[in-house]
Amino acid sequence: MGLPWVNWRCLRTSHAVWLKLAGADVKDAQGQMRHSRASTTLDIYQQFVPESQQRVVAKLSSLSRMVN
């Protein structure tokens, strides 16, 4: 991707947050992330995303589809 700040941890955290935003149960996310404990998924990887930020991301996604 050529972005210096993107690494595996960033991608894993993004994946965990997207699972949460999609409504995945913590046990399902734990399985996807292959964590032995759900607390690892919750405490380290799944971050709280305020609703206002979710709306902005949704708008950006729709904008990018219009450009492509």
PDB file of N, CA and C in Angstrom:
ATOM      1  N   MET A   1       0.816  -1.188   0.000  1.00  0.00           N
ATOM      2  CA  MET A   1       0.000   0.000   0.000  1.00  0.00           C
ATOM      3  C   MET A   1       0.863   1.256   0.000  1.00  0.00           C
ATOM      4  N   GLY A   2       2.090   1.138   0.451  1.00  0.00           N
ATOM      5  CA  GLY A   2       2.981   2.278   0.433  1.00  0.00           C
ATOM      6  C   GLY A   2       2.742   3.292   1.542  1.00  0.00           C
ATOM      7  N   LEU A   3       1.933   2.946   2.506  1.00  0.00           N
ATOM      8  CA  LEU A   3       1.679   3.850   3.623  1.00  0.00           C
ATOM      9  C   LEU A   3       2.543   3.421   4.801  1.00  0.00           C
ATOM     10  N   PRO A   4       3.451   4.274   5.246  1.00  0.00           N
ATOM     11  CA  PRO A   4       4.399   3.873   6.289  1.00  0.00           C
ATOM     12  C   PRO A   4       3.754   3.554   7.632  1.00  0.00           C
ATOM     13  N   TRP A   5       2.582   4.104   7.922  1.00  0.00           N
ATOM     14  CA  TRP A   5       1.966   3.907   9.228  1.00  0.00           C
ATOM     15  C   TRP A   5       1.070   2.665   9.280  1.00  0.00           C
ATOM     16  N   VAL A   6       0.882   1.991   8.143  1.00  0.00           N
ATOM     17  CA  VAL A   6       0.049   0.784   8.115  1.00  0.00           C
ATOM     18  C   VAL A   6       0.927  -0.430   8.381  1.00  0.00           C
ATOM     19  N   ASN A   7       0.600  -1.161   9.435  1.00  0.00           N
ATOM     20  CA  ASN A   7       1.315  -2.385   9.755  1.00  0.00           C
ATOM     21  C   ASN A   7       0.281  -3.453  10.129  1.00  0.00           C
ATOM     22  N   TRP A   8       0.743  -4.650  10.472  1.00  0.00           N
ATOM     23  CA  TRP A   8      -0.186  -5.738  10.790  1.00  0.00           C
ATOM     24  C   TRP A   8      -1.066  -5.409  11.987  1.00  0.00           C
ATOM     25  N   ARG A   9      -0.514  -4.735  12.985  1.00  0.00           N
ATOM     26  CA  ARG A   9      -1.312  -4.371  14.162  1.00  0.00           C
ATOM     27  C   ARG A   9      -2.439  -3.420  13.774  1.00  0.00           C
ATOM     28  N   CYS A  10      -2.129  -2.463  12.923  1.00  0.00           N
ATOM     29  CA  CYS A  10      -3.130  -1.519  12.451  1.00  0.00           C
ATOM     30  C   CYS A  10      -4.238  -2.249  11.685  1.00  0.00           C
ATOM     31  N   LEU A  11      -3.857  -3.166  10.824  1.00  0.00           N
ATOM     32  CA  LEU A  11      -4.840  -3.924  10.048  1.00  0.00           C
ATOM     33  C   LEU A  11      -5.688  -4.825  10.938  1.00  0.00           C
ATOM     34  N   ARG A  12      -5.069  -5.458  11.928  1.00  0.00           N
ATOM     35  CA  ARG A  12      -5.822  -6.325  12.852  1.00  0.00           C
ATOM     36  C   ARG A  12      -6.800  -5.512  13.689  1.00  0.00           C
ATOM     37  N   THR A  13      -6.353  -4.356  14.155  1.00  0.00           N
ATOM     38  CA  THR A  13      -7.237  -3.504  14.950  1.00  0.00           C
ATOM     39  C   THR A  13      -8.403  -3.012  14.096  1.00  0.00           C
ATOM     40  N   SER A  14      -8.113  -2.606  12.871  1.00  0.00           N
ATOM     41  CA  SER A  14      -9.176  -2.160  11.970  1.00  0.00           C
ATOM     42  C   SER A  14     -10.173  -3.282  11.731  1.00  0.00           C
ATOM     43  N   HIS A  15      -9.693  -4.487  11.496  1.00  0.00           N
ATOM     44  CA  HIS A  15     -10.572  -5.635  11.270  1.00  0.00           C
ATOM     45  C   HIS A  15     -11.472  -5.869  12.483  1.00  0.00           C
ATOM     46  N   ALA A  16     -10.908  -5.809  13.676  1.00  0.00           N
ATOM     47  CA  ALA A  16     -11.691  -6.024  14.893  1.00  0.00           C
ATOM     48  C   ALA A  16     -12.751  -4.938  15.069  1.00  0.00           C
ATOM     49  N   VAL A  17     -12.392  -3.703  14.788  1.00  0.00           N
ATOM     50  CA  VAL A  17     -13.358  -2.602  14.906  1.00  0.00           C
ATOM     51  C   VAL A  17     -14.466  -2.753  13.868  1.00  0.00           C
ATOM     52  N   TRP A  18     -14.108  -3.125  12.639  1.00  0.00           N
ATOM     53  CA  TRP A  18     -15.116  -3.309  11.600  1.00  0.00           C
ATOM     54  C   TRP A  18     -16.062  -4.453  11.945  1.00  0.00           C
ATOM     55  N   LEU A  19     -15.549  -5.507  12.546  1.00  0.00           N
ATOM     56  CA  LEU A  19     -16.417  -6.591  12.991  1.00  0.00           C
ATOM     57  C   LEU A  19     -17.418  -6.075  14.019  1.00  0.00           C
ATOM     58  N   LYS A  20     -16.936  -5.273  14.953  1.00  0.00           N
ATOM     59  CA  LYS A  20     -17.803  -4.704  15.988  1.00  0.00           C
ATOM     60  C   LYS A  20     -18.869  -3.808  15.365  1.00  0.00           C
ATOM     61  N   LEU A  21     -18.460  -2.934  14.432  1.00  0.00           N
ATOM     62  CA  LEU A  21     -19.402  -2.034  13.777  1.00  0.00           C
ATOM     63  C   LEU A  21     -20.434  -2.798  12.952  1.00  0.00           C
ATOM     64  N   ALA A  22     -20.041  -3.949  12.434  1.00  0.00           N
ATOM     65  CA  ALA A  22     -20.957  -4.770  11.645  1.00  0.00           C
ATOM     66  C   ALA A  22     -21.919  -5.557  12.530  1.00  0.00           C
ATOM     67  N   GLY A  23     -21.721  -5.478  13.849  1.00  0.00           N
ATOM     68  CA  GLY A  23     -22.631  -6.155  14.766  1.00  0.00           C
ATOM     69  C   GLY A  23     -22.204  -7.549  15.158  1.00  0.00           C
ATOM     70  N   ALA A  24     -20.965  -7.904  14.886  1.00  0.00           N
ATOM     71  CA  ALA A  24     -20.485  -9.247  15.234  1.00  0.00           C
ATOM     72  C   ALA A  24     -20.447  -9.423  16.753  1.00  0.00           C
ATOM     73  N   ASP A  25     -20.838 -10.574  17.204  1.00  0.00           N
ATOM     74  CA  ASP A  25     -20.738 -10.937  18.613  1.00  0.00           C
ATOM     75  C   ASP A  25     -19.264 -11.039  18.988  1.00  0.00           C
ATOM     76  N   VAL A  26     -18.939 -10.724  20.234  1.00  0.00           N
ATOM     77  CA  VAL A  26     -17.538 -10.753  20.662  1.00  0.00           C
ATOM     78  C   VAL A  26     -16.927 -12.145  20.481  1.00  0.00           C
ATOM     79  N   LYS A  27     -17.712 -13.198  20.668  1.00  0.00           N
ATOM     80  CA  LYS A  27     -17.186 -14.553  20.481  1.00  0.00           C
ATOM     81  C   LYS A  27     -16.868 -14.818  19.007  1.00  0.00           C
ATOM     82  N   ASP A  28     -17.683 -14.282  18.118  1.00  0.00           N
ATOM     83  CA  ASP A  28     -17.390 -14.420  16.686  1.00  0.00           C
ATOM     84  C   ASP A  28     -16.121 -13.659  16.318  1.00  0.00           C
ATOM     85  N   ALA A  29     -15.986 -12.438  16.863  1.00  0.00           N
ATOM     86  CA  ALA A  29     -14.786 -11.649  16.609  1.00  0.00           C
ATOM     87  C   ALA A  29     -13.557 -12.352  17.185  1.00  0.00           C
ATOM     88  N   GLN A  30     -13.711 -12.914  18.362  1.00  0.00           N
ATOM     89  CA  GLN A  30     -12.615 -13.658  18.994  1.00  0.00           C
ATOM     90  C   GLN A  30     -12.165 -14.796  18.088  1.00  0.00           C
ATOM     91  N   GLY A  31     -13.121 -15.503  17.506  1.00  0.00           N
ATOM     92  CA  GLY A  31     -12.793 -16.591  16.585  1.00  0.00           C
ATOM     93  C   GLY A  31     -12.086 -16.105  15.340  1.00  0.00           C
ATOM     94  N   GLN A  32     -12.579 -15.005  14.759  1.00  0.00           N
ATOM     95  CA  GLN A  32     -11.954 -14.423  13.575  1.00  0.00           C
ATOM     96  C   GLN A  32     -10.520 -13.994  13.857  1.00  0.00           C
ATOM     97  N   MET A  33     -10.321 -13.411  15.053  1.00  0.00           N
ATOM     98  CA  MET A  33      -9.003 -12.907  15.422  1.00  0.00           C
ATOM     99  C   MET A  33      -8.087 -14.018  15.940  1.00  0.00           C
ATOM    100  N   ARG A  34      -8.673 -15.188  16.184  1.00  0.00           N
ATOM    101  CA  ARG A  34      -7.955 -16.358  16.702  1.00  0.00           C
ATOM    102  C   ARG A  34      -7.312 -16.089  18.065  1.00  0.00           C
ATOM    103  N   HIS A  35      -8.075 -15.377  18.926  1.00  0.00           N
ATOM    104  CA  HIS A  35      -7.620 -15.129  20.295  1.00  0.00           C
ATOM    105  C   HIS A  35      -8.120 -16.238  21.203  1.00  0.00           C
ATOM    106  N   SER A  36      -7.319 -16.614  22.182  1.00  0.00           N
ATOM    107  CA  SER A  36      -7.739 -17.653  23.117  1.00  0.00           C
ATOM    108  C   SER A  36      -8.724 -17.105  24.154  1.00  0.00           C
ATOM    109  N   ARG A  37      -8.689 -15.786  24.374  1.00  0.00           N
ATOM    110  CA  ARG A  37      -9.597 -15.159  25.351  1.00  0.00           C
ATOM    111  C   ARG A  37     -10.341 -13.998  24.709  1.00  0.00           C
ATOM    112  N   ALA A  38     -11.631 -13.886  24.999  1.00  0.00           N
ATOM    113  CA  ALA A  38     -12.429 -12.777  24.480  1.00  0.00           C
ATOM    114  C   ALA A  38     -11.926 -11.445  25.034  1.00  0.00           C
ATOM    115  N   SER A  39     -11.344 -11.477  26.224  1.00  0.00           N
ATOM    116  CA  SER A  39     -10.845 -10.238  26.827  1.00  0.00           C
ATOM    117  C   SER A  39      -9.721  -9.620  25.984  1.00  0.00           C
ATOM    118  N   THR A  40      -8.941 -10.439  25.318  1.00  0.00           N
ATOM    119  CA  THR A  40      -7.892  -9.919  24.433  1.00  0.00           C
ATOM    120  C   THR A  40      -8.534  -9.142  23.292  1.00  0.00           C
ATOM    121  N   THR A  41      -9.576  -9.706  22.710  1.00  0.00           N
ATOM    122  CA  THR A  41     -10.277  -9.049  21.614  1.00  0.00           C
ATOM    123  C   THR A  41     -10.869  -7.728  22.084  1.00  0.00           C
ATOM    124  N   LEU A  42     -11.532  -7.749  23.227  1.00  0.00           N
ATOM    125  CA  LEU A  42     -12.201  -6.550  23.730  1.00  0.00           C
ATOM    126  C   LEU A  42     -11.230  -5.494  24.233  1.00  0.00           C
ATOM    127  N   ASP A  43     -10.265  -5.898  25.016  1.00  0.00           N
ATOM    128  CA  ASP A  43      -9.387  -4.937  25.688  1.00  0.00           C
ATOM    129  C   ASP A  43      -8.317  -4.338  24.787  1.00  0.00           C
ATOM    130  N   ILE A  44      -7.861  -5.088  23.809  1.00  0.00           N
ATOM    131  CA  ILE A  44      -6.737  -4.630  22.991  1.00  0.00           C
ATOM    132  C   ILE A  44      -7.171  -4.216  21.587  1.00  0.00           C
ATOM    133  N   TYR A  45      -8.015  -4.991  20.952  1.00  0.00           N
ATOM    134  CA  TYR A  45      -8.287  -4.776  19.538  1.00  0.00           C
ATOM    135  C   TYR A  45      -9.567  -4.011  19.228  1.00  0.00           C
ATOM    136  N   GLN A  46     -10.651  -4.304  19.927  1.00  0.00           N
ATOM    137  CA  GLN A  46     -11.900  -3.618  19.603  1.00  0.00           C
ATOM    138  C   GLN A  46     -11.956  -2.286  20.324  1.00  0.00           C
ATOM    139  N   GLN A  47     -11.930  -1.229  19.553  1.00  0.00           N
ATOM    140  CA  GLN A  47     -11.939   0.113  20.106  1.00  0.00           C
ATOM    141  C   GLN A  47     -13.323   0.730  19.934  1.00  0.00           C
ATOM    142  N   PHE A  48     -13.663   1.609  20.869  1.00  0.00           N
ATOM    143  CA  PHE A  48     -14.935   2.312  20.795  1.00  0.00           C
ATOM    144  C   PHE A  48     -14.891   3.336  19.672  1.00  0.00           C
ATOM    145  N   VAL A  49     -15.919   3.324  18.825  1.00  0.00           N
ATOM    146  CA  VAL A  49     -16.015   4.298  17.744  1.00  0.00           C
ATOM    147  C   VAL A  49     -17.341   5.046  17.934  1.00  0.00           C
ATOM    148  N   PRO A  50     -17.270   6.343  18.286  1.00  0.00           N
ATOM    149  CA  PRO A  50     -18.493   7.113  18.486  1.00  0.00           C
ATOM    150  C   PRO A  50     -19.367   7.134  17.235  1.00  0.00           C
ATOM    151  N   GLU A  51     -20.658   7.272  17.437  1.00  0.00           N
ATOM    152  CA  GLU A  51     -21.605   7.271  16.322  1.00  0.00           C
ATOM    153  C   GLU A  51     -21.314   8.381  15.320  1.00  0.00           C
ATOM    154  N   SER A  52     -20.873   9.534  15.795  1.00  0.00           N
ATOM    155  CA  SER A  52     -20.562  10.636  14.878  1.00  0.00           C
ATOM    156  C   SER A  52     -19.434  10.252  13.925  1.00  0.00           C
ATOM    157  N   GLN A  53     -18.439   9.524  14.425  1.00  0.00           N
ATOM    158  CA  GLN A  53     -17.352   9.072  13.560  1.00  0.00           C
ATOM    159  C   GLN A  53     -17.843   8.010  12.584  1.00  0.00           C
ATOM    160  N   GLN A  54     -18.762   7.171  13.021  1.00  0.00           N
ATOM    161  CA  GLN A  54     -19.314   6.146  12.136  1.00  0.00           C
ATOM    162  C   GLN A  54     -20.044   6.798  10.956  1.00  0.00           C
ATOM    163  N   ARG A  55     -20.788   7.883  11.236  1.00  0.00           N
ATOM    164  CA  ARG A  55     -21.513   8.579  10.163  1.00  0.00           C
ATOM    165  C   ARG A  55     -20.540   9.180   9.150  1.00  0.00           C
ATOM    166  N   VAL A  56     -19.448   9.753   9.631  1.00  0.00           N
ATOM    167  CA  VAL A  56     -18.459  10.357   8.737  1.00  0.00           C
ATOM    168  C   VAL A  56     -17.827   9.287   7.849  1.00  0.00           C
ATOM    169  N   VAL A  57     -17.482   8.155   8.423  1.00  0.00           N
ATOM    170  CA  VAL A  57     -16.881   7.068   7.641  1.00  0.00           C
ATOM    171  C   VAL A  57     -17.862   6.572   6.590  1.00  0.00           C
ATOM    172  N   ALA A  58     -19.128   6.459   6.947  1.00  0.00           N
ATOM    173  CA  ALA A  58     -20.142   6.023   5.982  1.00  0.00           C
ATOM    174  C   ALA A  58     -20.252   7.016   4.830  1.00  0.00           C
ATOM    175  N   LYS A  59     -20.205   8.309   5.136  1.00  0.00           N
ATOM    176  CA  LYS A  59     -20.271   9.324   4.084  1.00  0.00           C
ATOM    177  C   LYS A  59     -19.045   9.252   3.175  1.00  0.00           C
ATOM    178  N   LEU A  60     -17.867   9.059   3.765  1.00  0.00           N
ATOM    179  CA  LEU A  60     -16.654   8.928   2.956  1.00  0.00           C
ATOM    180  C   LEU A  60     -16.722   7.704   2.053  1.00  0.00           C
ATOM    181  N   SER A  61     -17.259   6.615   2.577  1.00  0.00           N
ATOM    182  CA  SER A  61     -17.384   5.395   1.773  1.00  0.00           C
ATOM    183  C   SER A  61     -18.298   5.633   0.569  1.00  0.00           C
ATOM    184  N   SER A  62     -19.418   6.304   0.785  1.00  0.00           N
ATOM    185  CA  SER A  62     -20.323   6.564  -0.322  1.00  0.00           C
ATOM    186  C   SER A  62     -19.689   7.536  -1.329  1.00  0.00           C
ATOM    187  N   LEU A  63     -18.911   8.491  -0.836  1.00  0.00           N
ATOM    188  CA  LEU A  63     -18.218   9.424  -1.715  1.00  0.00           C
ATOM    189  C   LEU A  63     -17.199   8.699  -2.589  1.00  0.00           C
ATOM    190  N   SER A  64     -16.462   7.768  -1.992  1.00  0.00           N
ATOM    191  CA  SER A  64     -15.438   7.044  -2.764  1.00  0.00           C
ATOM    192  C   SER A  64     -16.091   6.170  -3.838  1.00  0.00           C
ATOM    193  N   ARG A  65     -17.286   5.655  -3.576  1.00  0.00           N
ATOM    194  CA  ARG A  65     -17.992   4.849  -4.591  1.00  0.00           C
ATOM    195  C   ARG A  65     -18.437   5.729  -5.755  1.00  0.00           C
ATOM    196  N   MET A  66     -18.787   6.992  -5.471  1.00  0.00           N
ATOM    197  CA  MET A  66     -19.214   7.908  -6.526  1.00  0.00           C
ATOM    198  C   MET A  66     -18.041   8.276  -7.425  1.00  0.00           C
ATOM    199  N   VAL A  67     -16.841   8.372  -6.845  1.00  0.00           N
ATOM    200  CA  VAL A  67     -15.650   8.746  -7.599  1.00  0.00           C
ATOM    201  C   VAL A  67     -15.209   7.606  -8.508  1.00  0.00           C
ATOM    202  N   ASN A  68     -15.310   6.380  -8.013  1.00  0.00           N
ATOM    203  CA  ASN A  68     -14.879   5.219  -8.802  1.00  0.00           C
ATOM    204  C   ASN A  68     -15.916   4.906  -9.794  1.00  0.00           C
TER     205      ASN A  68
END
